[in-house]
């Protein structure tokens, strides 16, 4: 009989689940009148574990520029 070969498979690591929040520049408390207010709000969210995962900026004819932010954090 031939030799038996076993391949090593490392144990599967369980990936952390993520939680997402989608906000726009018009949502409270993100309705910032200037970049300093927006910065303060994002810093407050960071203390709660949120990180900016993505941003989308688009121009709309009816309402001007629109900003969408996707925030993520590890869920508990």
C-alpha atoms as a PDB file:
ATOM      1  CA  UNK A   1       0.000   0.000   0.000  1.00  0.00           C
ATOM      2  CA  UNK A   2       1.140   3.509  -0.670  1.00  0.00           C
ATOM      3  CA  UNK A   3       1.954   6.183   1.873  1.00  0.00           C
ATOM      4  CA  UNK A   4      -0.911   8.277   3.167  1.00  0.00           C
ATOM      5  CA  UNK A   5      -0.402  12.001   2.779  1.00  0.00           C
ATOM      6  CA  UNK A   6      -2.280  14.457   4.893  1.00  0.00           C
ATOM      7  CA  UNK A   7      -2.434  18.102   4.054  1.00  0.00           C
ATOM      8  CA  UNK A   8      -2.381  20.586   6.906  1.00  0.00           C
ATOM      9  CA  UNK A   9      -5.401  22.855   7.017  1.00  0.00           C
ATOM     10  CA  UNK A  10      -5.117  25.665   9.523  1.00  0.00           C
ATOM     11  CA  UNK A  11      -8.182  26.120  11.695  1.00  0.00           C
ATOM     12  CA  UNK A  12     -10.672  28.498  10.151  1.00  0.00           C
ATOM     13  CA  UNK A  13     -10.689  31.830  11.881  1.00  0.00           C
ATOM     14  CA  UNK A  14     -14.069  33.254  12.530  1.00  0.00           C
ATOM     15  CA  UNK A  15     -14.312  36.666  10.919  1.00  0.00           C
ATOM     16  CA  UNK A  16     -15.742  39.477  12.976  1.00  0.00           C
ATOM     17  CA  UNK A  17     -19.173  40.590  11.891  1.00  0.00           C
ATOM     18  CA  UNK A  18     -19.464  44.181  10.764  1.00  0.00           C
ATOM     19  CA  UNK A  19     -22.166  46.706  11.471  1.00  0.00           C
ATOM     20  CA  UNK A  20     -22.856  49.526   9.015  1.00  0.00           C
ATOM     21  CA  UNK A  21     -24.398  52.955   9.204  1.00  0.00           C
ATOM     22  CA  UNK A  22     -25.271  54.970   6.082  1.00  0.00           C
ATOM     23  CA  UNK A  23     -25.570  58.703   6.615  1.00  0.00           C
ATOM     24  CA  UNK A  24     -25.794  61.799   4.472  1.00  0.00           C
ATOM     25  CA  UNK A  25     -24.705  65.346   5.136  1.00  0.00           C
ATOM     26  CA  UNK A  26     -28.369  66.171   5.815  1.00  0.00           C
ATOM     27  CA  UNK A  27     -28.889  63.585   8.581  1.00  0.00           C
ATOM     28  CA  UNK A  28     -28.645  64.703  12.189  1.00  0.00           C
ATOM     29  CA  UNK A  29     -26.074  64.994  13.693  1.00  0.00           C
ATOM     30  CA  UNK A  30     -24.227  65.001  10.360  1.00  0.00           C
ATOM     31  CA  UNK A  31     -26.039  68.112   9.139  1.00  0.00           C
ATOM     32  CA  UNK A  32     -22.864  70.111   9.497  1.00  0.00           C
ATOM     33  CA  UNK A  33     -22.792  73.724   8.488  1.00  0.00           C
ATOM     34  CA  UNK A  34     -19.017  73.614   8.043  1.00  0.00           C
ATOM     35  CA  UNK A  35     -16.174  71.114   7.860  1.00  0.00           C
ATOM     36  CA  UNK A  36     -15.199  71.660  11.521  1.00  0.00           C
ATOM     37  CA  UNK A  37     -18.646  70.535  12.687  1.00  0.00           C
ATOM     38  CA  UNK A  38     -18.498  67.485  10.420  1.00  0.00           C
ATOM     39  CA  UNK A  39     -15.011  66.681  11.713  1.00  0.00           C
ATOM     40  CA  UNK A  40     -16.203  66.884  15.329  1.00  0.00           C
ATOM     41  CA  UNK A  41     -19.142  64.600  14.571  1.00  0.00           C
ATOM     42  CA  UNK A  42     -16.931  62.023  12.823  1.00  0.00           C
ATOM     43  CA  UNK A  43     -14.484  62.125  15.739  1.00  0.00           C
ATOM     44  CA  UNK A  44     -17.356  61.467  18.153  1.00  0.00           C
ATOM     45  CA  UNK A  45     -18.451  58.497  16.033  1.00  0.00           C
ATOM     46  CA  UNK A  46     -14.857  57.225  16.090  1.00  0.00           C
ATOM     47  CA  UNK A  47     -14.965  57.096  19.898  1.00  0.00           C
ATOM     48  CA  UNK A  48     -17.952  54.738  19.480  1.00  0.00           C
ATOM     49  CA  UNK A  49     -15.903  52.479  17.196  1.00  0.00           C
ATOM     50  CA  UNK A  50     -17.177  53.762  13.826  1.00  0.00           C
ATOM     51  CA  UNK A  51     -14.802  54.171  10.873  1.00  0.00           C
ATOM     52  CA  UNK A  52     -15.535  55.733   7.506  1.00  0.00           C
ATOM     53  CA  UNK A  53     -15.600  52.829   5.054  1.00  0.00           C
ATOM     54  CA  UNK A  54     -16.619  54.774   1.952  1.00  0.00           C
ATOM     55  CA  UNK A  55     -17.910  58.139   0.788  1.00  0.00           C
ATOM     56  CA  UNK A  56     -19.874  59.106  -2.299  1.00  0.00           C
ATOM     57  CA  UNK A  57     -20.286  62.655  -3.496  1.00  0.00           C
ATOM     58  CA  UNK A  58     -22.652  63.438  -6.320  1.00  0.00           C
ATOM     59  CA  UNK A  59     -24.154  66.472  -7.949  1.00  0.00           C
ATOM     60  CA  UNK A  60     -27.945  66.628  -8.103  1.00  0.00           C
ATOM     61  CA  UNK A  61     -29.676  69.238 -10.209  1.00  0.00           C
ATOM     62  CA  UNK A  62     -32.575  69.694  -7.805  1.00  0.00           C
ATOM     63  CA  UNK A  63     -30.680  69.978  -4.522  1.00  0.00           C
ATOM     64  CA  UNK A  64     -27.031  70.619  -5.327  1.00  0.00           C
ATOM     65  CA  UNK A  65     -24.227  68.435  -4.032  1.00  0.00           C
ATOM     66  CA  UNK A  66     -25.011  65.330  -2.002  1.00  0.00           C
ATOM     67  CA  UNK A  67     -22.597  63.507   0.320  1.00  0.00           C
ATOM     68  CA  UNK A  68     -23.175  59.931   1.474  1.00  0.00           C
ATOM     69  CA  UNK A  69     -20.921  58.269   4.051  1.00  0.00           C
ATOM     70  CA  UNK A  70     -20.813  54.600   4.932  1.00  0.00           C
ATOM     71  CA  UNK A  71     -19.507  53.954   8.451  1.00  0.00           C
ATOM     72  CA  UNK A  72     -18.549  50.519   9.761  1.00  0.00           C
ATOM     73  CA  UNK A  73     -17.527  48.940  13.035  1.00  0.00           C
ATOM     74  CA  UNK A  74     -17.132  45.481  14.481  1.00  0.00           C
ATOM     75  CA  UNK A  75     -20.422  44.310  15.876  1.00  0.00           C
ATOM     76  CA  UNK A  76     -20.494  43.107  19.468  1.00  0.00           C
END
